[in-house]
PDB file of N, CA and C in Angstrom:
ATOM      1  N   MET A   1     154.714  70.698 215.718  1.00  0.00           N
ATOM      2  CA  MET A   1     153.312  71.013 215.437  1.00  0.00           C
ATOM      3  C   MET A   1     152.586  70.709 216.809  1.00  0.00           C
ATOM      4  N   ILE A   2     151.757  71.681 217.094  1.00  0.00           N
ATOM      5  CA  ILE A   2     150.970  71.517 218.342  1.00  0.00           C
ATOM      6  C   ILE A   2     149.619  71.358 218.084  1.00  0.00           C
ATOM      7  N   LEU A   3     148.700  70.742 218.918  1.00  0.00           N
ATOM      8  CA  LEU A   3     147.341  70.518 218.730  1.00  0.00           C
ATOM      9  C   LEU A   3     146.569  71.655 219.227  1.00  0.00           C
ATOM     10  N   GLY A   4     145.339  71.917 218.658  1.00  0.00           N
ATOM     11  CA  GLY A   4     144.516  72.955 219.281  1.00  0.00           C
ATOM     12  C   GLY A   4     144.175  72.775 220.595  1.00  0.00           C
ATOM     13  N   ARG A   5     143.860  71.429 221.049  1.00  0.00           N
ATOM     14  CA  ARG A   5     143.634  71.158 222.367  1.00  0.00           C
ATOM     15  C   ARG A   5     144.767  71.450 223.318  1.00  0.00           C
ATOM     16  N   GLN A   6     146.005  71.291 222.758  1.00  0.00           N
ATOM     17  CA  GLN A   6     147.234  71.720 223.729  1.00  0.00           C
ATOM     18  C   GLN A   6     147.346  73.092 223.956  1.00  0.00           C
ATOM     19  N   ILE A   7     146.851  74.040 222.943  1.00  0.00           N
ATOM     20  CA  ILE A   7     146.790  75.421 223.115  1.00  0.00           C
ATOM     21  C   ILE A   7     145.892  75.809 224.126  1.00  0.00           C
ATOM     22  N   ALA A   8     144.782  75.200 224.093  1.00  0.00           N
ATOM     23  CA  ALA A   8     143.492  75.438 225.126  1.00  0.00           C
ATOM     24  C   ALA A   8     144.103  74.986 226.451  1.00  0.00           C
ATOM     25  N   ALA A   9     144.502  73.940 226.598  1.00  0.00           N
ATOM     26  CA  ALA A   9     144.959  73.256 227.815  1.00  0.00           C
ATOM     27  C   ALA A   9     145.971  74.218 228.392  1.00  0.00           C
ATOM     28  N   ALA A  10     147.077  74.472 227.513  1.00  0.00           N
ATOM     29  CA  ALA A  10     148.221  75.387 228.176  1.00  0.00           C
ATOM     30  C   ALA A  10     147.783  76.610 228.671  1.00  0.00           C
ATOM     31  N   ARG A  11     146.870  77.240 227.845  1.00  0.00           N
ATOM     32  CA  ARG A  11     146.220  78.575 228.347  1.00  0.00           C
ATOM     33  C   ARG A  11     145.560  78.422 229.739  1.00  0.00           C
ATOM     34  N   ALA A  12     144.818  77.446 229.705  1.00  0.00           N
ATOM     35  CA  ALA A  12     144.167  77.025 231.148  1.00  0.00           C
ATOM     36  C   ALA A  12     145.142  76.946 232.293  1.00  0.00           C
ATOM     37  N   LEU A  13     146.207  76.249 231.932  1.00  0.00           N
ATOM     38  CA  LEU A  13     147.216  75.819 232.905  1.00  0.00           C
ATOM     39  C   LEU A  13     147.953  77.142 233.385  1.00  0.00           C
ATOM     40  N   VAL A  14     148.032  78.207 232.519  1.00  0.00           N
ATOM     41  CA  VAL A  14     148.765  79.401 232.972  1.00  0.00           C
ATOM     42  C   VAL A  14     147.714  80.464 233.453  1.00  0.00           C
ATOM     43  N   GLY A  15     146.456  80.128 233.229  1.00  0.00           N
ATOM     44  CA  GLY A  15     145.435  81.016 233.925  1.00  0.00           C
ATOM     45  C   GLY A  15     145.229  82.291 233.103  1.00  0.00           C
ATOM     46  N   ILE A  16     145.284  82.143 231.781  1.00  0.00           N
ATOM     47  CA  ILE A  16     144.992  83.390 230.923  1.00  0.00           C
ATOM     48  C   ILE A  16     143.874  83.104 230.094  1.00  0.00           C
ATOM     49  N   GLY A  17     143.278  84.215 229.629  1.00  0.00           N
ATOM     50  CA  GLY A  17     142.101  84.103 228.844  1.00  0.00           C
ATOM     51  C   GLY A  17     142.615  84.236 227.281  1.00  0.00           C
ATOM     52  N   GLN A  18     141.542  83.964 226.408  1.00  0.00           N
ATOM     53  CA  GLN A  18     141.916  84.032 224.906  1.00  0.00           C
ATOM     54  C   GLN A  18     142.411  85.473 224.652  1.00  0.00           C
ATOM     55  N   LYS A  19     141.737  86.493 225.162  1.00  0.00           N
ATOM     56  CA  LYS A  19     142.102  87.770 224.851  1.00  0.00           C
ATOM     57  C   LYS A  19     143.567  88.026 225.202  1.00  0.00           C
ATOM     58  N   GLU A  20     143.923  87.734 226.238  1.00  0.00           N
ATOM     59  CA  GLU A  20     145.170  88.032 226.759  1.00  0.00           C
ATOM     60  C   GLU A  20     146.292  87.304 225.928  1.00  0.00           C
ATOM     61  N   LEU A  21     145.961  86.019 225.642  1.00  0.00           N
ATOM     62  CA  LEU A  21     146.922  85.184 224.908  1.00  0.00           C
ATOM     63  C   LEU A  21     147.024  85.916 223.447  1.00  0.00           C
ATOM     64  N   ALA A  22     145.958  86.155 222.893  1.00  0.00           N
ATOM     65  CA  ALA A  22     145.827  86.659 221.467  1.00  0.00           C
ATOM     66  C   ALA A  22     146.679  87.940 221.492  1.00  0.00           C
ATOM     67  N   GLU A  23     146.603  88.794 222.500  1.00  0.00           N
ATOM     68  CA  GLU A  23     147.366  90.034 222.631  1.00  0.00           C
ATOM     69  C   GLU A  23     148.860  89.821 222.515  1.00  0.00           C
ATOM     70  N   GLN A  24     149.265  88.800 223.532  1.00  0.00           N
ATOM     71  CA  GLN A  24     150.609  88.493 223.743  1.00  0.00           C
ATOM     72  C   GLN A  24     151.295  87.958 222.492  1.00  0.00           C
ATOM     73  N   ALA A  25     150.483  87.203 221.615  1.00  0.00           N
ATOM     74  CA  ALA A  25     150.834  86.673 220.374  1.00  0.00           C
ATOM     75  C   ALA A  25     150.687  87.464 219.158  1.00  0.00           C
ATOM     76  N   ASN A  26     150.111  88.550 219.433  1.00  0.00           N
ATOM     77  CA  ASN A  26     149.897  89.523 218.324  1.00  0.00           C
ATOM     78  C   ASN A  26     148.987  88.997 217.057  1.00  0.00           C
ATOM     79  N   ILE A  27     147.887  88.349 217.570  1.00  0.00           N
ATOM     80  CA  ILE A  27     146.983  87.749 216.637  1.00  0.00           C
ATOM     81  C   ILE A  27     145.575  88.111 217.113  1.00  0.00           C
ATOM     82  N   SER A  28     144.532  87.973 216.272  1.00  0.00           N
ATOM     83  CA  SER A  28     143.178  88.086 216.513  1.00  0.00           C
ATOM     84  C   SER A  28     142.549  86.967 217.551  1.00  0.00           C
ATOM     85  N   ILE A  29     141.551  87.510 218.360  1.00  0.00           N
ATOM     86  CA  ILE A  29     140.927  86.422 219.070  1.00  0.00           C
ATOM     87  C   ILE A  29     140.246  85.431 218.189  1.00  0.00           C
ATOM     88  N   PRO A  30     139.458  85.736 217.080  1.00  0.00           N
ATOM     89  CA  PRO A  30     138.908  84.743 216.237  1.00  0.00           C
ATOM     90  C   PRO A  30     139.855  83.763 215.748  1.00  0.00           C
ATOM     91  N   THR A  31     141.210  84.373 215.474  1.00  0.00           N
ATOM     92  CA  THR A  31     142.270  83.426 214.965  1.00  0.00           C
ATOM     93  C   THR A  31     142.638  82.313 216.008  1.00  0.00           C
ATOM     94  N   LEU A  32     142.723  82.863 217.216  1.00  0.00           N
ATOM     95  CA  LEU A  32     143.198  81.899 218.440  1.00  0.00           C
ATOM     96  C   LEU A  32     141.944  80.885 218.466  1.00  0.00           C
ATOM     97  N   LYS A  33     140.764  81.519 218.552  1.00  0.00           N
ATOM     98  CA  LYS A  33     139.612  80.565 218.712  1.00  0.00           C
ATOM     99  C   LYS A  33     139.629  79.383 217.644  1.00  0.00           C
ATOM    100  N   ARG A  34     139.878  79.725 216.413  1.00  0.00           N
ATOM    101  CA  ARG A  34     139.995  78.700 215.390  1.00  0.00           C
ATOM    102  C   ARG A  34     141.021  77.678 215.667  1.00  0.00           C
ATOM    103  N   MET A  35     142.108  78.207 216.180  1.00  0.00           N
ATOM    104  CA  MET A  35     143.291  77.360 216.420  1.00  0.00           C
ATOM    105  C   MET A  35     142.920  76.298 217.555  1.00  0.00           C
ATOM    106  N   GLU A  36     142.348  76.887 218.634  1.00  0.00           N
ATOM    107  CA  GLU A  36     141.819  76.123 219.900  1.00  0.00           C
ATOM    108  C   GLU A  36     140.740  75.053 219.257  1.00  0.00           C
ATOM    109  N   ALA A  37     139.988  75.389 218.412  1.00  0.00           N
ATOM    110  CA  ALA A  37     138.879  74.569 217.873  1.00  0.00           C
ATOM    111  C   ALA A  37     139.257  73.475 216.895  1.00  0.00           C
ATOM    112  N   SER A  38     140.578  73.669 216.434  1.00  0.00           N
ATOM    113  CA  SER A  38     141.108  72.701 215.437  1.00  0.00           C
ATOM    114  C   SER A  38     141.035  71.277 215.894  1.00  0.00           C
ATOM    115  N   ASP A  39     140.577  70.364 215.094  1.00  0.00           N
ATOM    116  CA  ASP A  39     140.500  68.902 215.291  1.00  0.00           C
ATOM    117  C   ASP A  39     141.890  68.467 214.738  1.00  0.00           C
ATOM    118  N   GLY A  40     142.669  68.132 215.755  1.00  0.00           N
ATOM    119  CA  GLY A  40     144.156  67.661 215.570  1.00  0.00           C
ATOM    120  C   GLY A  40     145.080  69.000 215.487  1.00  0.00           C
ATOM    121  N   HIS A  41     146.123  69.008 214.473  1.00  0.00           N
ATOM    122  CA  HIS A  41     146.936  70.109 214.641  1.00  0.00           C
ATOM    123  C   HIS A  41     146.411  71.463 214.515  1.00  0.00           C
ATOM    124  N   ALA A  42     147.027  72.449 215.208  1.00  0.00           N
ATOM    125  CA  ALA A  42     146.425  73.735 215.246  1.00  0.00           C
ATOM    126  C   ALA A  42     146.441  74.251 213.733  1.00  0.00           C
ATOM    127  N   THR A  43     145.312  74.815 213.335  1.00  0.00           N
ATOM    128  CA  THR A  43     145.225  75.298 211.996  1.00  0.00           C
ATOM    129  C   THR A  43     145.521  76.923 212.123  1.00  0.00           C
ATOM    130  N   GLY A  44     146.083  77.250 210.916  1.00  0.00           N
ATOM    131  CA  GLY A  44     146.323  78.778 210.787  1.00  0.00           C
ATOM    132  C   GLY A  44     147.680  78.950 210.148  1.00  0.00           C
ATOM    133  N   LEU A  45     148.102  80.143 209.917  1.00  0.00           N
ATOM    134  CA  LEU A  45     149.481  80.452 209.373  1.00  0.00           C
ATOM    135  C   LEU A  45     150.451  80.104 210.377  1.00  0.00           C
ATOM    136  N   ALA A  46     151.488  79.371 209.874  1.00  0.00           N
ATOM    137  CA  ALA A  46     152.528  78.837 210.617  1.00  0.00           C
ATOM    138  C   ALA A  46     153.155  79.982 211.636  1.00  0.00           C
ATOM    139  N   ASN A  47     153.299  81.218 211.035  1.00  0.00           N
ATOM    140  CA  ASN A  47     153.817  82.236 211.975  1.00  0.00           C
ATOM    141  C   ASN A  47     152.863  82.613 213.116  1.00  0.00           C
ATOM    142  N   ASN A  48     151.483  82.353 212.873  1.00  0.00           N
ATOM    143  CA  ASN A  48     150.655  82.678 214.056  1.00  0.00           C
ATOM    144  C   ASN A  48     150.656  81.530 214.999  1.00  0.00           C
ATOM    145  N   VAL A  49     150.788  80.282 214.674  1.00  0.00           N
ATOM    146  CA  VAL A  49     150.845  79.286 215.582  1.00  0.00           C
ATOM    147  C   VAL A  49     152.174  79.271 216.200  1.00  0.00           C
ATOM    148  N   ALA A  50     153.215  79.724 215.641  1.00  0.00           N
ATOM    149  CA  ALA A  50     154.406  79.894 216.280  1.00  0.00           C
ATOM    150  C   ALA A  50     154.491  80.959 217.361  1.00  0.00           C
ATOM    151  N   ALA A  51     153.706  82.039 216.959  1.00  0.00           N
ATOM    152  CA  ALA A  51     153.741  83.102 218.043  1.00  0.00           C
ATOM    153  C   ALA A  51     152.844  82.726 219.291  1.00  0.00           C
ATOM    154  N   VAL A  52     151.838  81.925 219.047  1.00  0.00           N
ATOM    155  CA  VAL A  52     151.200  81.474 220.178  1.00  0.00           C
ATOM    156  C   VAL A  52     151.967  80.535 220.983  1.00  0.00           C
ATOM    157  N   ARG A  53     152.609  79.594 220.439  1.00  0.00           N
ATOM    158  CA  ARG A  53     153.449  78.664 221.117  1.00  0.00           C
ATOM    159  C   ARG A  53     154.451  79.474 221.896  1.00  0.00           C
ATOM    160  N   ALA A  54     155.194  80.598 221.220  1.00  0.00           N
ATOM    161  CA  ALA A  54     156.319  81.190 221.962  1.00  0.00           C
ATOM    162  C   ALA A  54     155.616  81.889 223.063  1.00  0.00           C
ATOM    163  N   ALA A  55     154.383  82.544 223.044  1.00  0.00           N
ATOM    164  CA  ALA A  55     153.726  83.221 224.118  1.00  0.00           C
ATOM    165  C   ALA A  55     153.570  82.285 225.230  1.00  0.00           C
ATOM    166  N   LEU A  56     153.173  81.130 224.953  1.00  0.00           N
ATOM    167  CA  LEU A  56     152.826  80.124 226.032  1.00  0.00           C
ATOM    168  C   LEU A  56     154.157  79.595 226.788  1.00  0.00           C
ATOM    169  N   GLU A  57     155.122  79.347 225.905  1.00  0.00           N
ATOM    170  CA  GLU A  57     156.429  79.006 226.392  1.00  0.00           C
ATOM    171  C   GLU A  57     156.960  79.984 227.252  1.00  0.00           C
ATOM    172  N   ALA A  58     156.849  81.273 226.899  1.00  0.00           N
ATOM    173  CA  ALA A  58     157.456  82.395 227.659  1.00  0.00           C
ATOM    174  C   ALA A  58     156.725  82.414 229.203  1.00  0.00           C
ATOM    175  N   ALA A  59     155.346  81.965 229.114  1.00  0.00           N
ATOM    176  CA  ALA A  59     154.610  81.778 230.352  1.00  0.00           C
ATOM    177  C   ALA A  59     154.966  80.610 231.307  1.00  0.00           C
ATOM    178  N   GLY A  60     155.848  79.766 230.621  1.00  0.00           N
ATOM    179  CA  GLY A  60     156.276  78.612 231.441  1.00  0.00           C
ATOM    180  C   GLY A  60     155.728  77.160 230.968  1.00  0.00           C
ATOM    181  N   ILE A  61     155.123  77.217 229.945  1.00  0.00           N
ATOM    182  CA  ILE A  61     154.575  75.983 229.231  1.00  0.00           C
ATOM    183  C   ILE A  61     155.653  75.279 228.567  1.00  0.00           C
ATOM    184  N   THR A  62     155.648  73.875 228.656  1.00  0.00           N
ATOM    185  CA  THR A  62     156.618  72.999 227.773  1.00  0.00           C
ATOM    186  C   THR A  62     155.609  72.151 227.038  1.00  0.00           C
ATOM    187  N   PHE A  63     155.611  72.195 225.730  1.00  0.00           N
ATOM    188  CA  PHE A  63     154.800  71.408 224.970  1.00  0.00           C
ATOM    189  C   PHE A  63     155.583  69.875 224.761  1.00  0.00           C
ATOM    190  N   LEU A  64     154.847  68.925 224.999  1.00  0.00           N
ATOM    191  CA  LEU A  64     155.486  67.589 224.914  1.00  0.00           C
ATOM    192  C   LEU A  64     154.905  66.840 223.628  1.00  0.00           C
ATOM    193  N   ASP A  65     155.796  66.128 223.036  1.00  0.00           N
ATOM    194  CA  ASP A  65     155.441  65.264 221.750  1.00  0.00           C
ATOM    195  C   ASP A  65     154.926  63.930 222.278  1.00  0.00           C
ATOM    196  N   ASN A  66     154.036  63.236 221.462  1.00  0.00           N
ATOM    197  CA  ASN A  66     153.581  61.990 221.885  1.00  0.00           C
ATOM    198  C   ASN A  66     154.765  60.983 222.540  1.00  0.00           C
ATOM    199  N   GLY A  67     154.643  60.472 223.539  1.00  0.00           N
ATOM    200  CA  GLY A  67     155.552  59.661 224.312  1.00  0.00           C
ATOM    201  C   GLY A  67     156.453  60.348 225.190  1.00  0.00           C
ATOM    202  N   GLU A  68     156.569  61.787 225.121  1.00  0.00           N
ATOM    203  CA  GLU A  68     157.403  62.342 226.141  1.00  0.00           C
ATOM    204  C   GLU A  68     156.695  62.473 227.463  1.00  0.00           C
ATOM    205  N   VAL A  69     157.570  62.608 228.476  1.00  0.00           N
ATOM    206  CA  VAL A  69     157.013  62.732 229.773  1.00  0.00           C
ATOM    207  C   VAL A  69     157.508  64.013 230.368  1.00  0.00           C
ATOM    208  N   SER A  70     156.849  64.523 231.362  1.00  0.00           N
ATOM    209  CA  SER A  70     157.144  65.740 232.091  1.00  0.00           C
ATOM    210  C   SER A  70     158.313  65.501 233.036  1.00  0.00           C
ATOM    211  N   PRO A  71     159.148  66.367 233.121  1.00  0.00           N
ATOM    212  CA  PRO A  71     160.279  66.304 234.301  1.00  0.00           C
ATOM    213  C   PRO A  71     159.556  66.564 235.859  1.00  0.00           C
ATOM    214  N   GLY A  72     158.624  67.012 235.812  1.00  0.00           N
ATOM    215  CA  GLY A  72     157.967  67.253 237.185  1.00  0.00           C
ATOM    216  C   GLY A  72     156.340  67.299 236.938  1.00  0.00           C
ATOM    217  N   PRO A  73     155.526  67.651 238.008  1.00  0.00           N
ATOM    218  CA  PRO A  73     154.187  67.593 238.043  1.00  0.00           C
ATOM    219  C   PRO A  73     153.611  68.028 236.651  1.00  0.00           C
ATOM    220  N   GLY A  74     152.583  67.396 236.286  1.00  0.00           N
ATOM    221  CA  GLY A  74     151.988  67.676 234.974  1.00  0.00           C
ATOM    222  C   GLY A  74     150.613  66.888 234.763  1.00  0.00           C
ATOM    223  N   VAL A  75     150.161  67.065 233.590  1.00  0.00           N
ATOM    224  CA  VAL A  75     148.927  66.292 233.188  1.00  0.00           C
ATOM    225  C   VAL A  75     149.154  65.919 231.648  1.00  0.00           C
ATOM    226  N   ALA A  76     148.583  64.776 231.287  1.00  0.00           N
ATOM    227  CA  ALA A  76     148.613  64.173 230.134  1.00  0.00           C
ATOM    228  C   ALA A  76     147.343  63.582 229.656  1.00  0.00           C
ATOM    229  N   LEU A  77     147.116  63.463 228.298  1.00  0.00           N
ATOM    230  CA  LEU A  77     145.974  62.874 227.791  1.00  0.00           C
ATOM    231  C   LEU A  77     146.404  61.404 227.250  1.00  0.00           C
ATOM    232  N   ARG A  78     145.698  60.376 227.531  1.00  0.00           N
ATOM    233  CA  ARG A  78     146.070  59.056 227.109  1.00  0.00           C
ATOM    234  C   ARG A  78     145.566  58.863 225.667  1.00  0.00           C
TER     235      ARG A  78
END
């Protein structure tokens, strides 16, 4: 499971807008906006969340679980 904040942060890291990510994940912009605005885990249909995750991972993002560390430069929220 990924957090809405992780999606927004990942999108910012790869430098793409909501429109571009929504197109890459084949979802609507309002659906992506709701995911990013989620308090906690990204809300929405599991296949839509998976599509967003896959699009971001294809762009070079690695999602970390609580306690995992990056093998290289990165950012984290305490």
